[in-house]
Protein backbone atom coordinates (compact mmCIF):
# COMPACT_ATOMS: atom_id res chain seq x y z
CA MET A 1 21.25 -56.84 -25.25
CA PRO A 2 18.65 -54.35 -23.97
CA LYS A 3 15.65 -53.63 -26.19
CA HIS A 4 15.70 -50.12 -27.60
CA LYS A 5 12.57 -48.01 -27.52
CA THR A 6 10.86 -47.77 -30.86
CA MET A 7 9.70 -44.56 -32.50
CA SER A 8 6.15 -45.63 -31.70
CA ASP A 9 7.03 -46.13 -28.03
CA THR A 10 8.51 -42.64 -27.81
CA LEU A 11 5.61 -40.97 -29.63
CA ARG A 12 3.06 -42.89 -27.55
CA GLU A 13 4.79 -41.84 -24.30
CA ARG A 14 4.83 -38.17 -25.31
CA LEU A 15 1.24 -38.21 -26.55
CA THR A 16 -0.01 -40.03 -23.46
CA ALA A 17 1.83 -37.63 -21.14
CA GLU A 18 0.35 -34.61 -22.89
CA PHE A 19 -3.15 -36.10 -22.81
CA GLU A 20 -2.85 -37.07 -19.13
CA SER A 21 -1.64 -33.56 -18.28
CA GLY A 22 -4.96 -32.20 -19.48
CA THR A 23 -4.62 -31.47 -23.18
CA SER A 24 -7.63 -32.90 -25.00
CA LEU A 25 -7.27 -35.13 -28.03
CA ARG A 26 -9.54 -32.64 -29.81
CA THR A 27 -6.91 -29.92 -29.24
CA ILE A 28 -4.08 -32.17 -30.43
CA GLU A 29 -6.19 -33.14 -33.45
CA ALA A 30 -6.69 -29.47 -34.34
CA ASP A 31 -3.01 -28.64 -33.88
CA VAL A 32 -1.46 -31.52 -35.84
CA GLY A 33 -4.22 -32.66 -38.18
CA VAL A 34 -4.43 -36.27 -36.96
CA ILE A 35 -7.97 -37.34 -36.09
CA ARG A 36 -8.53 -37.93 -32.39
CA GLN A 37 -9.91 -41.44 -32.93
CA SER A 38 -6.56 -42.44 -34.43
CA LEU A 39 -4.73 -40.80 -31.52
CA ALA A 40 -6.91 -42.60 -28.97
CA LYS A 41 -6.42 -45.99 -30.65
CA PHE A 42 -2.68 -45.36 -30.83
CA ILE A 43 -2.53 -44.55 -27.10
CA ARG A 44 -4.44 -47.78 -26.33
CA HIS A 45 -2.10 -49.88 -28.55
CA GLU A 46 -5.04 -50.74 -30.83
CA GLN A 47 -3.47 -49.40 -34.02
CA SER A 48 -0.31 -47.87 -35.32
CA LEU A 49 0.04 -44.52 -37.04
CA ARG A 50 0.83 -43.88 -40.67
CA LEU A 51 4.28 -42.42 -41.10
CA ASP A 52 2.95 -38.98 -42.13
CA MET A 53 0.92 -38.86 -38.90
CA ALA A 54 3.94 -39.92 -36.86
CA ASP A 55 5.93 -37.13 -38.57
CA LYS A 56 3.38 -34.56 -37.37
CA LEU A 57 3.54 -35.79 -33.78
CA ALA A 58 7.35 -35.94 -33.88
CA GLU A 59 7.43 -32.32 -35.00
CA ARG A 60 5.02 -31.33 -32.21
CA TYR A 61 7.27 -32.94 -29.60
CA GLY A 62 10.55 -31.73 -31.10
CA LEU A 63 11.73 -35.23 -31.95
CA GLU A 64 13.96 -36.15 -34.84
CA LEU A 65 15.21 -39.40 -36.29
CA ARG A 66 18.94 -39.71 -36.72
CA PRO A 67 21.37 -42.55 -37.22
CA ALA A 68 22.46 -44.32 -34.07
CA THR A 69 26.09 -43.98 -33.10
CA LYS A 70 28.10 -47.02 -34.03
CA GLN A 71 28.56 -49.39 -31.13
CA LYS A 72 31.87 -51.03 -30.34
CA GLY A 73 32.34 -54.22 -32.32
CA ARG A 74 30.02 -53.25 -35.17
């Protein structure tokens, strides 16, 4: 069974892509209210984010959590 991407994986991918495209962590910090040190450590897999911080990033990237569709046999 293939491993599904976690919420952290998805948020990290989006955050990393935005940062690598030229948006500074200082700008992201100002926009979402999550300190840039936390964002940098999250990108480097050194720490996770609190759920309220993850909520802010998810809103920035237009992501939402919803129940998975039921798979055959479940």
